[in-house]
C-alpha atoms as a PDB file:
ATOM      1  CA  MET A   1      24.737 -57.368 -42.470  1.00  0.00           C
ATOM      2  CA  ASN A   2      23.520 -55.169 -40.067  1.00  0.00           C
ATOM      3  CA  TYR A   3      20.110 -54.773 -39.484  1.00  0.00           C
ATOM      4  CA  LEU A   4      18.599 -52.204 -37.846  1.00  0.00           C
ATOM      5  CA  ASN A   5      15.974 -53.598 -34.774  1.00  0.00           C
ATOM      6  CA  THR A   6      12.986 -50.554 -35.646  1.00  0.00           C
ATOM      7  CA  LYS A   7      11.315 -51.644 -32.562  1.00  0.00           C
ATOM      8  CA  ASN A   8      14.523 -50.350 -30.660  1.00  0.00           C
ATOM      9  CA  SER A   9      15.434 -47.346 -32.878  1.00  0.00           C
ATOM     10  CA  VAL A  10      12.510 -45.250 -31.995  1.00  0.00           C
ATOM     11  CA  LYS A  11      13.327 -42.382 -29.696  1.00  0.00           C
ATOM     12  CA  GLY A  12      11.281 -40.341 -27.923  1.00  0.00           C
ATOM     13  CA  PHE A  13      10.167 -39.548 -24.031  1.00  0.00           C
ATOM     14  CA  THR A  14       7.766 -41.910 -22.077  1.00  0.00           C
ATOM     15  CA  ILE A  15       4.300 -40.431 -20.410  1.00  0.00           C
ATOM     16  CA  LEU A  16       6.198 -41.004 -17.306  1.00  0.00           C
ATOM     17  CA  GLU A  17       8.992 -38.458 -18.008  1.00  0.00           C
ATOM     18  CA  LEU A  18       6.337 -35.897 -19.483  1.00  0.00           C
ATOM     19  CA  MET A  19       4.516 -35.906 -16.566  1.00  0.00           C
ATOM     20  CA  VAL A  20       7.281 -35.126 -14.375  1.00  0.00           C
ATOM     21  CA  SER A  21       8.357 -32.735 -16.329  1.00  0.00           C
ATOM     22  CA  VAL A  22       5.019 -30.977 -16.459  1.00  0.00           C
ATOM     23  CA  GLY A  23       4.786 -31.746 -12.729  1.00  0.00           C
ATOM     24  CA  LEU A  24       7.611 -29.392 -12.031  1.00  0.00           C
ATOM     25  CA  ILE A  25       7.100 -26.587 -14.397  1.00  0.00           C
ATOM     26  CA  THR A  26       3.823 -26.020 -12.442  1.00  0.00           C
ATOM     27  CA  PHE A  27       5.605 -26.435  -9.218  1.00  0.00           C
ATOM     28  CA  LEU A  28       8.171 -24.087  -9.745  1.00  0.00           C
ATOM     29  CA  ALA A  29       5.389 -21.685 -11.693  1.00  0.00           C
ATOM     30  CA  SER A  30       3.579 -21.591  -8.723  1.00  0.00           C
ATOM     31  CA  LEU A  31       6.441 -20.765  -6.092  1.00  0.00           C
ATOM     32  CA  SER A  32       7.275 -17.765  -9.157  1.00  0.00           C
ATOM     33  CA  ALA A  33       3.514 -16.814  -8.659  1.00  0.00           C
ATOM     34  CA  THR A  34       3.626 -16.617  -4.676  1.00  0.00           C
ATOM     35  CA  GLY A  35       6.451 -14.310  -4.619  1.00  0.00           C
ATOM     36  CA  TYR A  36       5.707 -11.824  -7.345  1.00  0.00           C
ATOM     37  CA  ALA A  37       2.068 -11.755  -5.438  1.00  0.00           C
ATOM     38  CA  ALA A  38       3.892 -10.856  -2.008  1.00  0.00           C
ATOM     39  CA  MET A  39       6.517  -8.594  -3.456  1.00  0.00           C
ATOM     40  CA  ARG A  40       3.807  -6.734  -5.271  1.00  0.00           C
ATOM     41  CA  GLU A  41       1.987  -6.210  -1.889  1.00  0.00           C
ATOM     42  CA  ASN A  42       4.679  -4.905  -0.304  1.00  0.00           C
ATOM     43  CA  MET A  43       5.901  -2.325  -2.958  1.00  0.00           C
ATOM     44  CA  GLN A  44       1.954  -0.983  -3.003  1.00  0.00           C
ATOM     45  CA  LEU A  45       2.508  -1.134   1.329  1.00  0.00           C
ATOM     46  CA  GLN A  46       5.737   1.013   0.402  1.00  0.00           C
ATOM     47  CA  ASN A  47       4.304   3.114  -2.053  1.00  0.00           C
ATOM     48  CA  SER A  48       0.855   4.064   0.280  1.00  0.00           C
ATOM     49  CA  THR A  49       3.247   5.245   2.790  1.00  0.00           C
ATOM     50  CA  ASN A  50       5.254   7.142   0.852  1.00  0.00           C
ATOM     51  CA  GLU A  51       2.068   8.767  -0.532  1.00  0.00           C
ATOM     52  CA  VAL A  52       0.179   9.266   3.119  1.00  0.00           C
ATOM     53  CA  ARG A  53       3.657  10.627   3.907  1.00  0.00           C
ATOM     54  CA  GLU A  54       4.265  12.838   1.612  1.00  0.00           C
ATOM     55  CA  THR A  55       0.597  14.130   1.972  1.00  0.00           C
ATOM     56  CA  ILE A  56       0.973  14.875   5.635  1.00  0.00           C
ATOM     57  CA  GLN A  57       4.107  16.898   4.773  1.00  0.00           C
ATOM     58  CA  LEU A  58       1.723  18.876   2.583  1.00  0.00           C
ATOM     59  CA  ALA A  59      -0.690  19.430   4.913  1.00  0.00           C
ATOM     60  CA  GLN A  60       1.116  20.858   7.250  1.00  0.00           C
ATOM     61  CA  ASN A  61       3.141  22.892   5.382  1.00  0.00           C
ATOM     62  CA  LYS A  62       0.119  24.466   3.703  1.00  0.00           C
ATOM     63  CA  ALA A  63      -1.391  25.486   7.624  1.00  0.00           C
ATOM     64  CA  MET A  64       2.280  26.669   8.373  1.00  0.00           C
ATOM     65  CA  SER A  65       2.379  29.014   5.419  1.00  0.00           C
ATOM     66  CA  ALA A  66      -1.465  30.101   6.245  1.00  0.00           C
ATOM     67  CA  GLU A  67      -2.080  29.409   2.651  1.00  0.00           C
ATOM     68  CA  ALA A  68      -6.060  30.926   2.271  1.00  0.00           C
ATOM     69  CA  GLY A  69      -5.339  32.156   5.920  1.00  0.00           C
ATOM     70  CA  GLU A  70      -6.642  28.948   7.167  1.00  0.00           C
ATOM     71  CA  SER A  71      -5.692  26.127   8.737  1.00  0.00           C
ATOM     72  CA  ALA A  72      -4.983  22.770   6.632  1.00  0.00           C
ATOM     73  CA  GLY A  73      -5.406  18.780   6.977  1.00  0.00           C
ATOM     74  CA  ILE A  74      -6.202  15.507   6.049  1.00  0.00           C
ATOM     75  CA  CYS A  75      -9.789  13.686   6.408  1.00  0.00           C
ATOM     76  CA  PHE A  76     -10.039  10.033   6.466  1.00  0.00           C
ATOM     77  CA  ASP A  77     -12.906   8.559   4.368  1.00  0.00           C
ATOM     78  CA  TYR A  78     -15.161   6.121   7.010  1.00  0.00           C
ATOM     79  CA  ASN A  79     -14.623   3.791   4.175  1.00  0.00           C
ATOM     80  CA  LYS A  80     -10.890   3.630   5.188  1.00  0.00           C
ATOM     81  CA  LYS A  81     -10.084   3.601   1.192  1.00  0.00           C
ATOM     82  CA  ASN A  82      -9.810   7.434   0.644  1.00  0.00           C
ATOM     83  CA  TYR A  83      -8.388  10.607   2.326  1.00  0.00           C
ATOM     84  CA  TYR A  84      -8.546  13.653   1.225  1.00  0.00           C
ATOM     85  CA  LEU A  85      -5.909  17.299   1.782  1.00  0.00           C
ATOM     86  CA  VAL A  86      -8.356  19.840   3.106  1.00  0.00           C
ATOM     87  CA  ARG A  87      -8.500  23.394   3.809  1.00  0.00           C
ATOM     88  CA  GLY A  88      -9.607  24.836   7.296  1.00  0.00           C
ATOM     89  CA  THR A  89     -11.249  22.138  10.154  1.00  0.00           C
ATOM     90  CA  ASP A  90     -14.657  21.202   7.305  1.00  0.00           C
ATOM     91  CA  CYS A  91     -13.885  18.204   5.407  1.00  0.00           C
ATOM     92  CA  ARG A  92     -16.291  19.261   2.813  1.00  0.00           C
ATOM     93  CA  ASN A  93     -13.282  21.999   1.556  1.00  0.00           C
ATOM     94  CA  ILE A  94     -11.421  19.249  -0.363  1.00  0.00           C
ATOM     95  CA  LEU A  95      -7.937  20.332  -2.217  1.00  0.00           C
ATOM     96  CA  SER A  96      -7.039  16.967  -3.424  1.00  0.00           C
ATOM     97  CA  SER A  97      -8.308  13.486  -3.152  1.00  0.00           C
ATOM     98  CA  PHE A  98      -6.905  10.176  -2.787  1.00  0.00           C
ATOM     99  CA  ALA A  99      -7.291   6.870  -3.067  1.00  0.00           C
ATOM    100  CA  LEU A 100      -5.639   3.672  -1.491  1.00  0.00           C
ATOM    101  CA  PRO A 101      -4.755   0.878  -4.077  1.00  0.00           C
ATOM    102  CA  GLY A 102      -7.650  -2.457  -3.660  1.00  0.00           C
ATOM    103  CA  ASN A 103      -5.417  -4.389  -0.621  1.00  0.00           C
ATOM    104  CA  ILE A 104      -4.298  -1.586   1.225  1.00  0.00           C
ATOM    105  CA  TYR A 105      -6.567   0.218   3.611  1.00  0.00           C
ATOM    106  CA  PHE A 106      -6.757   2.169   6.885  1.00  0.00           C
ATOM    107  CA  SER A 107      -6.746  -0.441   9.696  1.00  0.00           C
ATOM    108  CA  GLU A 108      -6.544   2.590  12.619  1.00  0.00           C
ATOM    109  CA  LEU A 109      -8.057   5.996  12.021  1.00  0.00           C
ATOM    110  CA  PRO A 110      -8.209   9.042  14.473  1.00  0.00           C
ATOM    111  CA  PRO A 111     -11.625   9.047  16.079  1.00  0.00           C
ATOM    112  CA  ASP A 112     -12.905  11.572  14.348  1.00  0.00           C
ATOM    113  CA  HIS A 113     -11.562  10.792  11.284  1.00  0.00           C
ATOM    114  CA  LYS A 114      -9.493  13.756  10.296  1.00  0.00           C
ATOM    115  CA  ILE A 115      -5.617  15.238  11.597  1.00  0.00           C
ATOM    116  CA  ILE A 116      -6.031  19.235  10.964  1.00  0.00           C
ATOM    117  CA  PHE A 117      -2.659  21.196  11.466  1.00  0.00           C
ATOM    118  CA  ALA A 118      -2.894  24.816  13.243  1.00  0.00           C
ATOM    119  CA  LYS A 119      -2.383  27.890  11.281  1.00  0.00           C
ATOM    120  CA  LEU A 120       1.516  28.862  10.965  1.00  0.00           C
ATOM    121  CA  THR A 121       2.076  26.697  14.229  1.00  0.00           C
ATOM    122  CA  GLY A 122       1.656  23.468  12.035  1.00  0.00           C
ATOM    123  CA  GLU A 123       0.476  21.713  15.056  1.00  0.00           C
ATOM    124  CA  SER A 124      -1.225  18.916  15.552  1.00  0.00           C
ATOM    125  CA  SER A 125      -4.893  17.872  16.115  1.00  0.00           C
ATOM    126  CA  TYR A 126      -4.265  14.300  16.579  1.00  0.00           C
ATOM    127  CA  THR A 127      -1.153  13.064  18.556  1.00  0.00           C
ATOM    128  CA  ASN A 128      -1.355   9.293  18.024  1.00  0.00           C
ATOM    129  CA  THR A 129      -1.074   6.462  15.944  1.00  0.00           C
ATOM    130  CA  PHE A 130      -2.883   5.546  12.798  1.00  0.00           C
ATOM    131  CA  THR A 131      -1.979   2.362  10.816  1.00  0.00           C
ATOM    132  CA  LEU A 132      -1.907   1.421   6.914  1.00  0.00           C
ATOM    133  CA  SER A 133      -2.468  -2.370   6.828  1.00  0.00           C
ATOM    134  CA  VAL A 134      -2.510  -4.989   3.959  1.00  0.00           C
ATOM    135  CA  TYR A 135      -6.033  -7.161   3.839  1.00  0.00           C
ATOM    136  CA  SER A 136      -4.002 -10.517   4.040  1.00  0.00           C
ATOM    137  CA  GLY A 137      -2.791  -9.029   7.275  1.00  0.00           C
ATOM    138  CA  GLU A 138       0.707  -9.980   6.971  1.00  0.00           C
ATOM    139  CA  GLU A 139       1.865  -6.321   6.300  1.00  0.00           C
ATOM    140  CA  GLN A 140       1.182  -3.083   8.426  1.00  0.00           C
ATOM    141  CA  VAL A 141       2.614   0.489   8.229  1.00  0.00           C
ATOM    142  CA  GLN A 142       2.223   2.362  11.625  1.00  0.00           C
ATOM    143  CA  PHE A 143       1.962   6.405  11.626  1.00  0.00           C
ATOM    144  CA  LYS A 144       2.513   7.795  14.622  1.00  0.00           C
ATOM    145  CA  MET A 145       2.133  12.129  15.473  1.00  0.00           C
ATOM    146  CA  ASN A 146       3.750  13.773  17.754  1.00  0.00           C
ATOM    147  CA  SER A 147       2.369  17.058  19.004  1.00  0.00           C
ATOM    148  CA  ASN A 148       4.839  19.462  16.216  1.00  0.00           C
ATOM    149  CA  GLY A 149       2.954  17.614  13.993  1.00  0.00           C
ATOM    150  CA  LEU A 150       5.490  15.425  12.498  1.00  0.00           C
ATOM    151  CA  SER A 151       4.526  11.947  11.175  1.00  0.00           C
ATOM    152  CA  TYR A 152       7.360   9.690  11.557  1.00  0.00           C
ATOM    153  CA  GLU A 153       7.318   5.435  11.458  1.00  0.00           C
END
């Protein structure tokens, strides 16, 4: 007769095996969460870069077409989070406003916080650099303005 030994026939996982499995899953999840956060930060910076570049080009185009008979430009808020498309040289003549995402900010700005493009010629009032940065400090994009008002990175 073959009797089953009930003590040895119980199947399952030991507490040690369960702890190792849970620890491994937690470790892998933390790695993927860190990678996702960095990827998201990078995408937000890239999207903000494209939006700022397009706004600069729009301001220059408006100035060159002498829309409303005036120059046009970009004004930057002193909180380094907002910027505005403006008509003329007065930052109160706002045509459109833009806000950067939560972790993106302007780390370097023109001294007077604006870039104005001359009517018809489109020449820039500012010929230096300004920078978009991420609060973590790891990523940044630098914009350079030349005398023709063209922005490039």
